[in-house]
């Protein structure tokens, strides 16, 4: 999946190189909004020169690792950005920057949120401190170690011959459809989650599950495990309050769908490409 960060592009590290190393990028969140420089309208992470002159109050600075030989930091701050800088929520970068840069920004946001919610021990209430060797917070009193939170979830495209089942969330704009998804509950396997979520959201049964790939997704803190599954029976019944509409679409007549950065679109495109190949298209 070309939209992911390739293994040789990013090296996750806990401690920055001695002497500062090469030039750096700062994924800077000012009062919760992602700051950037703009180059021909495309957001860019803050570089060394720009970061040096920013007059903001740094709350947290956390080293992420090396991306293509460049040191990367997650930074939270408060204050006002000067003229020439822009800010947006993380979704404002989706589809506007190179995909690996978006995923690094998502990593930075998740790490900062984890640091903010783990300043104190969840067991005894003592102030935590950085772990000596891992990306973790450790309680000096009771020894509890807290690692960054990650929520596994499934995302699945249900197919029936030349058709695919797509749904529209109740909060989405009219005409926009995507795949089904949901979080894994305690005690469940991923396969059990997939069967349960499909039944809950659209009331149909599935079979022949096939794993295609995964994607880290920071909305919020998710690891999405992508599947294709074949329709096995039942009529579409949309879950009240969550699914506004769900229907079957032919592979050659799709609706408005997610952008290519999202794993949902990759699952859809993989099915469309396979059906086109099978039909000689």
C-alpha atoms as a PDB file:
ATOM      1  CA  UNK A   1       0.000   0.000   0.000  1.00  0.00           C
ATOM      2  CA  UNK A   2       1.890   2.986  -1.294  1.00  0.00           C
ATOM      3  CA  UNK A   3       0.130   5.517   0.916  1.00  0.00           C
ATOM      4  CA  UNK A   4       1.756   4.153   4.066  1.00  0.00           C
ATOM      5  CA  UNK A   5       5.136   5.227   5.440  1.00  0.00           C
ATOM      6  CA  UNK A   6       7.665   2.804   3.941  1.00  0.00           C
ATOM      7  CA  UNK A   7       9.869   0.890   6.426  1.00  0.00           C
ATOM      8  CA  UNK A   8      13.055   2.552   5.210  1.00  0.00           C
ATOM      9  CA  UNK A   9      11.601   6.082   5.421  1.00  0.00           C
ATOM     10  CA  UNK A  10      10.943   6.413   9.150  1.00  0.00           C
ATOM     11  CA  UNK A  11      12.869   5.131  12.147  1.00  0.00           C
ATOM     12  CA  UNK A  12      11.037   5.470  15.446  1.00  0.00           C
ATOM     13  CA  UNK A  13      13.383   6.562  18.241  1.00  0.00           C
ATOM     14  CA  UNK A  14      12.937   7.622  21.852  1.00  0.00           C
ATOM     15  CA  UNK A  15      16.048   9.772  22.266  1.00  0.00           C
ATOM     16  CA  UNK A  16      17.270  12.427  19.779  1.00  0.00           C
ATOM     17  CA  UNK A  17      20.774  12.135  18.343  1.00  0.00           C
ATOM     18  CA  UNK A  18      23.587  13.732  20.287  1.00  0.00           C
ATOM     19  CA  UNK A  19      24.405  17.225  19.115  1.00  0.00           C
ATOM     20  CA  UNK A  20      20.972  17.690  17.549  1.00  0.00           C
ATOM     21  CA  UNK A  21      21.709  15.822  14.316  1.00  0.00           C
ATOM     22  CA  UNK A  22      20.334  16.950  10.954  1.00  0.00           C
ATOM     23  CA  UNK A  23      17.696  19.578  10.258  1.00  0.00           C
ATOM     24  CA  UNK A  24      14.366  18.980  11.981  1.00  0.00           C
ATOM     25  CA  UNK A  25      10.643  19.149  11.418  1.00  0.00           C
ATOM     26  CA  UNK A  26       8.307  20.247  14.204  1.00  0.00           C
ATOM     27  CA  UNK A  27       4.719  19.021  14.127  1.00  0.00           C
ATOM     28  CA  UNK A  28       3.531  21.961  16.181  1.00  0.00           C
ATOM     29  CA  UNK A  29       0.062  22.096  17.732  1.00  0.00           C
ATOM     30  CA  UNK A  30      -0.784  25.558  19.045  1.00  0.00           C
ATOM     31  CA  UNK A  31      -3.823  25.419  21.337  1.00  0.00           C
ATOM     32  CA  UNK A  32      -4.755  22.128  19.693  1.00  0.00           C
ATOM     33  CA  UNK A  33      -4.435  23.268  16.076  1.00  0.00           C
ATOM     34  CA  UNK A  34      -1.707  22.080  13.727  1.00  0.00           C
ATOM     35  CA  UNK A  35       0.548  24.935  12.631  1.00  0.00           C
ATOM     36  CA  UNK A  36       2.223  25.061   9.244  1.00  0.00           C
ATOM     37  CA  UNK A  37       4.113  27.073   6.718  1.00  0.00           C
ATOM     38  CA  UNK A  38       2.432  27.337   3.337  1.00  0.00           C
ATOM     39  CA  UNK A  39       4.257  26.640   0.104  1.00  0.00           C
ATOM     40  CA  UNK A  40       2.053  27.356  -2.932  1.00  0.00           C
ATOM     41  CA  UNK A  41      -0.963  26.644  -0.743  1.00  0.00           C
ATOM     42  CA  UNK A  42       0.347  23.279   0.508  1.00  0.00           C
ATOM     43  CA  UNK A  43       0.926  22.974   4.282  1.00  0.00           C
ATOM     44  CA  UNK A  44       4.477  22.220   5.381  1.00  0.00           C
ATOM     45  CA  UNK A  45       5.752  21.228   8.854  1.00  0.00           C
ATOM     46  CA  UNK A  46       7.649  23.913  10.745  1.00  0.00           C
ATOM     47  CA  UNK A  47      11.387  23.687  10.064  1.00  0.00           C
ATOM     48  CA  UNK A  48      14.337  24.718  12.251  1.00  0.00           C
ATOM     49  CA  UNK A  49      14.551  28.303  11.063  1.00  0.00           C
ATOM     50  CA  UNK A  50      10.826  28.976  11.434  1.00  0.00           C
ATOM     51  CA  UNK A  51      10.590  27.257  14.813  1.00  0.00           C
ATOM     52  CA  UNK A  52      13.501  29.257  16.224  1.00  0.00           C
ATOM     53  CA  UNK A  53      11.683  32.550  15.739  1.00  0.00           C
ATOM     54  CA  UNK A  54       8.224  31.546  16.921  1.00  0.00           C
ATOM     55  CA  UNK A  55       7.097  33.384  20.038  1.00  0.00           C
ATOM     56  CA  UNK A  56       4.874  30.713  21.607  1.00  0.00           C
ATOM     57  CA  UNK A  57       4.898  29.019  25.006  1.00  0.00           C
ATOM     58  CA  UNK A  58       6.101  25.414  24.632  1.00  0.00           C
ATOM     59  CA  UNK A  59       4.176  22.959  26.804  1.00  0.00           C
ATOM     60  CA  UNK A  60       5.584  19.683  25.519  1.00  0.00           C
ATOM     61  CA  UNK A  61       8.339  18.730  23.097  1.00  0.00           C
ATOM     62  CA  UNK A  62       8.647  15.046  22.263  1.00  0.00           C
ATOM     63  CA  UNK A  63      11.101  13.416  19.881  1.00  0.00           C
ATOM     64  CA  UNK A  64       9.467  11.009  17.410  1.00  0.00           C
ATOM     65  CA  UNK A  65      12.375   9.717  15.332  1.00  0.00           C
ATOM     66  CA  UNK A  66      13.947  10.185  11.905  1.00  0.00           C
ATOM     67  CA  UNK A  67      11.992  10.610   8.664  1.00  0.00           C
ATOM     68  CA  UNK A  68      14.175  10.411   5.552  1.00  0.00           C
ATOM     69  CA  UNK A  69      17.130  11.440   7.718  1.00  0.00           C
ATOM     70  CA  UNK A  70      15.306  14.384   9.279  1.00  0.00           C
ATOM     71  CA  UNK A  71      14.645  14.588  13.028  1.00  0.00           C
ATOM     72  CA  UNK A  72      10.932  14.923  13.840  1.00  0.00           C
ATOM     73  CA  UNK A  73       9.348  16.363  16.977  1.00  0.00           C
ATOM     74  CA  UNK A  74       5.804  16.588  18.304  1.00  0.00           C
ATOM     75  CA  UNK A  75       5.313  19.939  20.035  1.00  0.00           C
ATOM     76  CA  UNK A  76       2.346  21.387  21.890  1.00  0.00           C
ATOM     77  CA  UNK A  77       2.258  25.088  22.659  1.00  0.00           C
ATOM     78  CA  UNK A  78       0.000  28.021  23.429  1.00  0.00           C
ATOM     79  CA  UNK A  79       0.066  31.500  21.967  1.00  0.00           C
ATOM     80  CA  UNK A  80      -0.565  33.321  18.711  1.00  0.00           C
ATOM     81  CA  UNK A  81       1.012  32.474  15.384  1.00  0.00           C
ATOM     82  CA  UNK A  82       2.562  35.425  13.518  1.00  0.00           C
ATOM     83  CA  UNK A  83       1.672  36.453   9.978  1.00  0.00           C
ATOM     84  CA  UNK A  84       2.799  33.969   7.362  1.00  0.00           C
ATOM     85  CA  UNK A  85       1.767  30.896   9.374  1.00  0.00           C
ATOM     86  CA  UNK A  86      -1.467  28.934   9.144  1.00  0.00           C
ATOM     87  CA  UNK A  87      -3.263  26.515  11.442  1.00  0.00           C
ATOM     88  CA  UNK A  88      -5.959  23.900  11.020  1.00  0.00           C
ATOM     89  CA  UNK A  89      -7.148  20.690  12.554  1.00  0.00           C
ATOM     90  CA  UNK A  90      -5.363  17.541  11.404  1.00  0.00           C
ATOM     91  CA  UNK A  91      -8.065  16.761   8.837  1.00  0.00           C
ATOM     92  CA  UNK A  92      -7.063  19.973   7.079  1.00  0.00           C
ATOM     93  CA  UNK A  93      -3.859  18.195   5.976  1.00  0.00           C
ATOM     94  CA  UNK A  94      -5.689  15.124   4.659  1.00  0.00           C
ATOM     95  CA  UNK A  95      -5.220  14.908   0.902  1.00  0.00           C
ATOM     96  CA  UNK A  96      -3.190  18.146   0.814  1.00  0.00           C
ATOM     97  CA  UNK A  97       0.217  16.847   1.895  1.00  0.00           C
ATOM     98  CA  UNK A  98       2.271  13.811   0.951  1.00  0.00           C
ATOM     99  CA  UNK A  99       0.617  10.809   2.685  1.00  0.00           C
ATOM    100  CA  UNK A 100       3.668   9.868   4.842  1.00  0.00           C
ATOM    101  CA  UNK A 101       3.758  13.452   6.156  1.00  0.00           C
ATOM    102  CA  UNK A 102       0.083  13.240   7.095  1.00  0.00           C
ATOM    103  CA  UNK A 103       0.701   9.998   8.994  1.00  0.00           C
ATOM    104  CA  UNK A 104       3.618  11.580  10.863  1.00  0.00           C
ATOM    105  CA  UNK A 105       1.381  14.496  11.835  1.00  0.00           C
ATOM    106  CA  UNK A 106      -1.196  11.979  13.046  1.00  0.00           C
ATOM    107  CA  UNK A 107       1.461  10.190  15.075  1.00  0.00           C
ATOM    108  CA  UNK A 108       2.470  13.504  16.632  1.00  0.00           C
ATOM    109  CA  UNK A 109      -1.115  14.378  17.553  1.00  0.00           C
ATOM    110  CA  UNK A 110      -1.705  10.995  19.183  1.00  0.00           C
ATOM    111  CA  UNK A 111       1.530  11.166  21.187  1.00  0.00           C
ATOM    112  CA  UNK A 112       0.734  14.658  22.476  1.00  0.00           C
ATOM    113  CA  UNK A 113      -2.791  13.660  23.487  1.00  0.00           C
ATOM    114  CA  UNK A 114      -1.377  10.626  25.323  1.00  0.00           C
ATOM    115  CA  UNK A 115       1.178  12.790  27.159  1.00  0.00           C
ATOM    116  CA  UNK A 116      -1.530  15.255  28.157  1.00  0.00           C
ATOM    117  CA  UNK A 117      -3.768  12.550  29.625  1.00  0.00           C
ATOM    118  CA  UNK A 118      -0.997  10.633  31.414  1.00  0.00           C
ATOM    119  CA  UNK A 119       0.675  13.333  33.457  1.00  0.00           C
ATOM    120  CA  UNK A 120      -0.532  11.551  36.592  1.00  0.00           C
ATOM    121  CA  UNK A 121      -0.666   7.892  37.485  1.00  0.00           C
ATOM    122  CA  UNK A 122      -4.066   6.317  36.916  1.00  0.00           C
ATOM    123  CA  UNK A 123      -3.563   3.982  39.891  1.00  0.00           C
ATOM    124  CA  UNK A 124      -2.121   6.127  42.709  1.00  0.00           C
ATOM    125  CA  UNK A 125      -2.323   9.688  41.371  1.00  0.00           C
ATOM    126  CA  UNK A 126       1.393  10.496  41.561  1.00  0.00           C
ATOM    127  CA  UNK A 127       3.018  12.590  38.849  1.00  0.00           C
ATOM    128  CA  UNK A 128       4.547  10.387  36.164  1.00  0.00           C
ATOM    129  CA  UNK A 129       7.941  10.696  34.537  1.00  0.00           C
ATOM    130  CA  UNK A 130       9.462   9.632  31.241  1.00  0.00           C
ATOM    131  CA  UNK A 131      10.475   5.983  31.040  1.00  0.00           C
ATOM    132  CA  UNK A 132      14.207   5.472  30.718  1.00  0.00           C
ATOM    133  CA  UNK A 133      14.231   3.402  27.517  1.00  0.00           C
ATOM    134  CA  UNK A 134      10.674   3.110  26.123  1.00  0.00           C
ATOM    135  CA  UNK A 135       8.137   5.602  24.792  1.00  0.00           C
ATOM    136  CA  UNK A 136       6.150   5.423  28.013  1.00  0.00           C
ATOM    137  CA  UNK A 137       5.282   7.243  31.242  1.00  0.00           C
ATOM    138  CA  UNK A 138       6.251   5.615  34.531  1.00  0.00           C
ATOM    139  CA  UNK A 139       4.983   6.218  38.045  1.00  0.00           C
ATOM    140  CA  UNK A 140       7.945   6.645  40.439  1.00  0.00           C
ATOM    141  CA  UNK A 141       5.809   5.569  43.422  1.00  0.00           C
ATOM    142  CA  UNK A 142       3.854   2.478  42.389  1.00  0.00           C
ATOM    143  CA  UNK A 143       5.749   1.556  39.216  1.00  0.00           C
ATOM    144  CA  UNK A 144       2.770   1.605  36.819  1.00  0.00           C
ATOM    145  CA  UNK A 145       3.931   2.046  33.206  1.00  0.00           C
ATOM    146  CA  UNK A 146       1.592   3.659  30.653  1.00  0.00           C
ATOM    147  CA  UNK A 147       2.273   3.272  26.938  1.00  0.00           C
ATOM    148  CA  UNK A 148       0.594   5.299  24.170  1.00  0.00           C
ATOM    149  CA  UNK A 149      -3.000   4.200  23.744  1.00  0.00           C
ATOM    150  CA  UNK A 150      -4.054   2.333  20.614  1.00  0.00           C
ATOM    151  CA  UNK A 151      -7.564   1.131  19.734  1.00  0.00           C
ATOM    152  CA  UNK A 152      -7.827  -1.784  17.273  1.00  0.00           C
ATOM    153  CA  UNK A 153     -10.742  -1.622  14.851  1.00  0.00           C
ATOM    154  CA  UNK A 154     -11.994  -3.381  11.750  1.00  0.00           C
ATOM    155  CA  UNK A 155     -12.975  -1.857   8.424  1.00  0.00           C
ATOM    156  CA  UNK A 156     -14.635  -4.059   5.825  1.00  0.00           C
ATOM    157  CA  UNK A 157     -15.980  -3.955   2.293  1.00  0.00           C
ATOM    158  CA  UNK A 158     -18.861  -6.415   1.876  1.00  0.00           C
ATOM    159  CA  UNK A 159     -19.230  -7.676  -1.700  1.00  0.00           C
ATOM    160  CA  UNK A 160     -21.861  -9.615  -3.678  1.00  0.00           C
ATOM    161  CA  UNK A 161     -20.774 -10.538  -7.176  1.00  0.00           C
ATOM    162  CA  UNK A 162     -20.260  -7.271  -9.040  1.00  0.00           C
ATOM    163  CA  UNK A 163     -21.734  -5.232  -6.181  1.00  0.00           C
ATOM    164  CA  UNK A 164     -20.317  -3.682  -3.030  1.00  0.00           C
ATOM    165  CA  UNK A 165     -22.229  -2.663   0.088  1.00  0.00           C
ATOM    166  CA  UNK A 166     -21.515   0.928   1.122  1.00  0.00           C
ATOM    167  CA  UNK A 167     -23.108   2.969   3.869  1.00  0.00           C
ATOM    168  CA  UNK A 168     -23.539   6.603   4.833  1.00  0.00           C
ATOM    169  CA  UNK A 169     -23.007   7.611   8.450  1.00  0.00           C
ATOM    170  CA  UNK A 170     -25.770   9.749   9.924  1.00  0.00           C
ATOM    171  CA  UNK A 171     -23.258  12.612  10.371  1.00  0.00           C
ATOM    172  CA  UNK A 172     -21.929  12.567   6.808  1.00  0.00           C
ATOM    173  CA  UNK A 173     -23.124  14.779   3.929  1.00  0.00           C
ATOM    174  CA  UNK A 174     -25.739  13.413   1.546  1.00  0.00           C
ATOM    175  CA  UNK A 175     -24.327  11.339  -1.287  1.00  0.00           C
ATOM    176  CA  UNK A 176     -21.118  10.300   0.507  1.00  0.00           C
ATOM    177  CA  UNK A 177     -20.679   6.563   1.136  1.00  0.00           C
ATOM    178  CA  UNK A 178     -17.939   4.372   2.571  1.00  0.00           C
ATOM    179  CA  UNK A 179     -17.175   0.960   4.038  1.00  0.00           C
ATOM    180  CA  UNK A 180     -18.341  -0.362   7.398  1.00  0.00           C
ATOM    181  CA  UNK A 181     -16.110  -0.093  10.462  1.00  0.00           C
ATOM    182  CA  UNK A 182     -16.099  -0.511  14.229  1.00  0.00           C
ATOM    183  CA  UNK A 183     -13.912  -0.940  17.299  1.00  0.00           C
ATOM    184  CA  UNK A 184     -12.873  -4.270  18.793  1.00  0.00           C
ATOM    185  CA  UNK A 185     -14.504  -4.877  22.180  1.00  0.00           C
ATOM    186  CA  UNK A 186     -12.772  -6.569  25.143  1.00  0.00           C
ATOM    187  CA  UNK A 187     -12.792 -10.341  24.778  1.00  0.00           C
ATOM    188  CA  UNK A 188     -13.438 -10.301  21.022  1.00  0.00           C
ATOM    189  CA  UNK A 189     -11.313 -11.579  18.186  1.00  0.00           C
ATOM    190  CA  UNK A 190     -11.023  -9.362  15.130  1.00  0.00           C
ATOM    191  CA  UNK A 191     -13.181 -11.815  13.181  1.00  0.00           C
ATOM    192  CA  UNK A 192     -15.911 -11.728  15.833  1.00  0.00           C
ATOM    193  CA  UNK A 193     -15.848  -7.929  15.721  1.00  0.00           C
ATOM    194  CA  UNK A 194     -16.282  -7.926  11.961  1.00  0.00           C
ATOM    195  CA  UNK A 195     -19.323 -10.219  12.037  1.00  0.00           C
ATOM    196  CA  UNK A 196     -20.882  -8.268  14.921  1.00  0.00           C
ATOM    197  CA  UNK A 197     -20.330  -4.814  13.423  1.00  0.00           C
ATOM    198  CA  UNK A 198     -21.726  -5.738  10.013  1.00  0.00           C
ATOM    199  CA  UNK A 199     -24.799  -7.283  11.603  1.00  0.00           C
ATOM    200  CA  UNK A 200     -25.315  -4.311  13.949  1.00  0.00           C
ATOM    201  CA  UNK A 201     -24.854  -1.631  11.306  1.00  0.00           C
ATOM    202  CA  UNK A 202     -26.651  -3.102   8.291  1.00  0.00           C
ATOM    203  CA  UNK A 203     -28.251  -6.387   9.414  1.00  0.00           C
ATOM    204  CA  UNK A 204     -26.528  -8.796   7.013  1.00  0.00           C
ATOM    205  CA  UNK A 205     -24.362 -11.881   7.449  1.00  0.00           C
ATOM    206  CA  UNK A 206     -20.935 -12.297   5.855  1.00  0.00           C
ATOM    207  CA  UNK A 207     -18.511 -15.118   5.072  1.00  0.00           C
ATOM    208  CA  UNK A 208     -15.072 -15.736   3.537  1.00  0.00           C
ATOM    209  CA  UNK A 209     -13.236 -12.956   5.325  1.00  0.00           C
ATOM    210  CA  UNK A 210     -10.000 -11.895   3.618  1.00  0.00           C
ATOM    211  CA  UNK A 211      -7.456  -9.603   5.280  1.00  0.00           C
ATOM    212  CA  UNK A 212      -5.946  -7.004   2.939  1.00  0.00           C
ATOM    213  CA  UNK A 213      -3.930  -4.588   5.099  1.00  0.00           C
ATOM    214  CA  UNK A 214      -3.884  -2.108   7.954  1.00  0.00           C
ATOM    215  CA  UNK A 215      -3.657   1.622   8.525  1.00  0.00           C
ATOM    216  CA  UNK A 216      -2.904   3.804  11.503  1.00  0.00           C
ATOM    217  CA  UNK A 217      -5.710   6.362  11.767  1.00  0.00           C
ATOM    218  CA  UNK A 218      -5.594   9.207  14.311  1.00  0.00           C
ATOM    219  CA  UNK A 219      -9.370   9.823  14.549  1.00  0.00           C
ATOM    220  CA  UNK A 220      -8.922   8.730  17.283  1.00  0.00           C
ATOM    221  CA  UNK A 221      -5.907   6.513  18.057  1.00  0.00           C
ATOM    222  CA  UNK A 222      -7.036   3.672  15.809  1.00  0.00           C
ATOM    223  CA  UNK A 223      -5.268   0.799  14.135  1.00  0.00           C
ATOM    224  CA  UNK A 224      -7.648  -0.146  11.326  1.00  0.00           C
ATOM    225  CA  UNK A 225      -7.505  -3.729  10.051  1.00  0.00           C
ATOM    226  CA  UNK A 226      -8.916  -3.895   6.521  1.00  0.00           C
ATOM    227  CA  UNK A 227     -10.943  -6.808   5.120  1.00  0.00           C
ATOM    228  CA  UNK A 228     -13.043  -7.929   2.209  1.00  0.00           C
ATOM    229  CA  UNK A 229     -16.004 -10.162   3.094  1.00  0.00           C
ATOM    230  CA  UNK A 230     -18.640 -11.849   0.948  1.00  0.00           C
ATOM    231  CA  UNK A 231     -22.365 -11.384   1.503  1.00  0.00           C
ATOM    232  CA  UNK A 232     -23.936 -14.500   3.068  1.00  0.00           C
ATOM    233  CA  UNK A 233     -27.545 -13.471   3.638  1.00  0.00           C
ATOM    234  CA  UNK A 234     -30.031 -11.054   5.143  1.00  0.00           C
ATOM    235  CA  UNK A 235     -31.749  -7.819   4.144  1.00  0.00           C
ATOM    236  CA  UNK A 236     -30.248  -4.393   4.749  1.00  0.00           C
ATOM    237  CA  UNK A 237     -31.538  -2.844   7.974  1.00  0.00           C
ATOM    238  CA  UNK A 238     -29.710   0.366   8.943  1.00  0.00           C
ATOM    239  CA  UNK A 239     -28.720   0.901  12.562  1.00  0.00           C
ATOM    240  CA  UNK A 240     -30.829   3.697  14.067  1.00  0.00           C
ATOM    241  CA  UNK A 241     -28.914   6.853  14.878  1.00  0.00           C
ATOM    242  CA  UNK A 242     -25.703   5.703  13.202  1.00  0.00           C
ATOM    243  CA  UNK A 243     -26.319   4.582   9.613  1.00  0.00           C
ATOM    244  CA  UNK A 244     -28.479   6.932   7.546  1.00  0.00           C
ATOM    245  CA  UNK A 245     -28.442   4.776   4.419  1.00  0.00           C
ATOM    246  CA  UNK A 246     -26.800   1.645   3.027  1.00  0.00           C
ATOM    247  CA  UNK A 247     -27.121   0.127  -0.409  1.00  0.00           C
ATOM    248  CA  UNK A 248     -25.494  -2.043  -3.051  1.00  0.00           C
ATOM    249  CA  UNK A 249     -23.448  -0.312  -5.764  1.00  0.00           C
ATOM    250  CA  UNK A 250     -22.067  -1.890  -8.912  1.00  0.00           C
ATOM    251  CA  UNK A 251     -18.290  -1.711  -9.208  1.00  0.00           C
ATOM    252  CA  UNK A 252     -18.629   0.397 -12.395  1.00  0.00           C
ATOM    253  CA  UNK A 253     -21.126   2.860 -10.899  1.00  0.00           C
ATOM    254  CA  UNK A 254     -19.734   3.945  -7.503  1.00  0.00           C
ATOM    255  CA  UNK A 255     -21.017   6.888  -5.426  1.00  0.00           C
ATOM    256  CA  UNK A 256     -18.988   9.750  -3.929  1.00  0.00           C
ATOM    257  CA  UNK A 257     -16.315   7.954  -1.866  1.00  0.00           C
ATOM    258  CA  UNK A 258     -13.428   8.679   0.556  1.00  0.00           C
ATOM    259  CA  UNK A 259     -10.114  10.100  -0.721  1.00  0.00           C
ATOM    260  CA  UNK A 260      -7.224   7.837  -1.669  1.00  0.00           C
ATOM    261  CA  UNK A 261      -5.435   8.517   1.633  1.00  0.00           C
ATOM    262  CA  UNK A 262      -7.988   6.426   3.549  1.00  0.00           C
ATOM    263  CA  UNK A 263      -7.858   2.631   3.791  1.00  0.00           C
ATOM    264  CA  UNK A 264     -11.589   2.526   3.030  1.00  0.00           C
ATOM    265  CA  UNK A 265     -10.875   3.849  -0.461  1.00  0.00           C
ATOM    266  CA  UNK A 266      -8.047   1.352  -0.922  1.00  0.00           C
ATOM    267  CA  UNK A 267     -10.405  -1.514  -0.058  1.00  0.00           C
ATOM    268  CA  UNK A 268     -12.949  -0.186  -2.565  1.00  0.00           C
ATOM    269  CA  UNK A 269     -10.365   0.373  -5.304  1.00  0.00           C
ATOM    270  CA  UNK A 270      -8.958  -3.139  -4.830  1.00  0.00           C
ATOM    271  CA  UNK A 271     -12.428  -4.602  -5.428  1.00  0.00           C
ATOM    272  CA  UNK A 272     -13.130  -2.357  -8.436  1.00  0.00           C
ATOM    273  CA  UNK A 273      -9.785  -3.223 -10.019  1.00  0.00           C
ATOM    274  CA  UNK A 274     -10.399  -6.951  -9.507  1.00  0.00           C
ATOM    275  CA  UNK A 275     -13.883  -6.808 -11.063  1.00  0.00           C
ATOM    276  CA  UNK A 276     -12.616  -4.778 -14.019  1.00  0.00           C
ATOM    277  CA  UNK A 277      -9.889  -7.333 -14.603  1.00  0.00           C
ATOM    278  CA  UNK A 278     -12.409 -10.201 -14.368  1.00  0.00           C
ATOM    279  CA  UNK A 279     -14.729  -8.543 -16.865  1.00  0.00           C
ATOM    280  CA  UNK A 280     -11.925  -7.666 -19.250  1.00  0.00           C
ATOM    281  CA  UNK A 281     -12.375  -3.923 -18.627  1.00  0.00           C
END
